Amino acid sequence: MSHNILVKGLRFAYPPLEAGGPTQWVIDGLDLSARAGEWLAVMGASDAGKTTLCLLLAGLAPHLTGGTMEGQVVVAGRDTREYPPPGLAASAGLLFQEPEAQLFNADAEAEVAWGLENLGLPAAEIQDRVDAALAQFRLEHVRHRPPDQLSGGEKKRLALASVLAMQPPVIILDEPMGGLDPAGREEVLAALATLRRDRSATILMTESDPEAVSAFADRLVVLERPARQPVDSARGQAIALEGTPREVFQHLEQLADLGVSAPQLARVAATLNRRLGTQFDFLTIDEAVPALAVHLG
């Protein structure tokens, strides 16, 4: 089986905050893979190392962050130890949790063009890709507006358009739903649906929103909390749960222990099953309505 993401025995620790201070593993012995064309979601508690995993996959860690890394991370056939971030730009695109961290050009059009220019593409192709990306994510009307004048949802859509315009085989989304108001959430959900429909890239998405995971992921892994052991100790960071979202979200008590939310309707189904002896198995409104209609007659 072809894997576009392969992580083996990964351990990573940032430099200590103070000189001589302890250095502790943020990711401790992680094994993970995603096949070509798969949409993989990664969930876990806030201290489970999800953002760090994204930085490692994009080559930003440890090349730009510093730190101690062991094990192997291979993205689109490239070992990230051997390629600094510019060498991975055509292979892996990263959407940061906070889009302001990657939006710095004069306007939206220039933002999408910037990565393409760094790839050395011809001017005509750059313009075609910019136009297509802005249209795909419904951003034509903000083409000439500075990123800092956009709404939260527009900023995330612009950052996503900038990544996708480069057409990388691997796309890394770090909490794409994070920090959005309801309107922005609906905008980004629509953008992700477009991405799910139109792209054959491998997607790795870290996300705290279980409804978004249910809507888009082929497979879900939930990380154990690392024990924050010093670097001279060995523990190993297990994947606590793995399977389809439907399979994983059946483990409600274990998910709560791991600091992970389940979809509201999964909790409703579990409560009804416990109280009424039913066997409901729904995650969305579209599944719940017909199931309840049959039961209620």
Foldseek 3Di string as FASTA:
>chain_A
DAWQKWWFQKWWWFPDPDVVDFTFTLAAGDTDTHHFLAAEEEEFAPSNCQQVVLCVQLLCPPVVRNTDIDTFIHGRRRTSVVDHNLRCLLAEFEQDQQLVVQFDDQFLLVSLLVSVVSVVDDPVLSVVLSVVLCVLLVNPVRRRPGLVPDARLVSSSSSVSSSCSSPHLEYEYEASQPPDDPVSNVSVLSSVVSCQPPDSHYYYYYHQDQLSLLVHHQKYWYWARDPRDTPVDHDHTDGPDMDRSLVRLLPQVVCVVRVGDHAPVSVVQVVCCVVPVDNDRDRDPVRPVVVVVVVVD
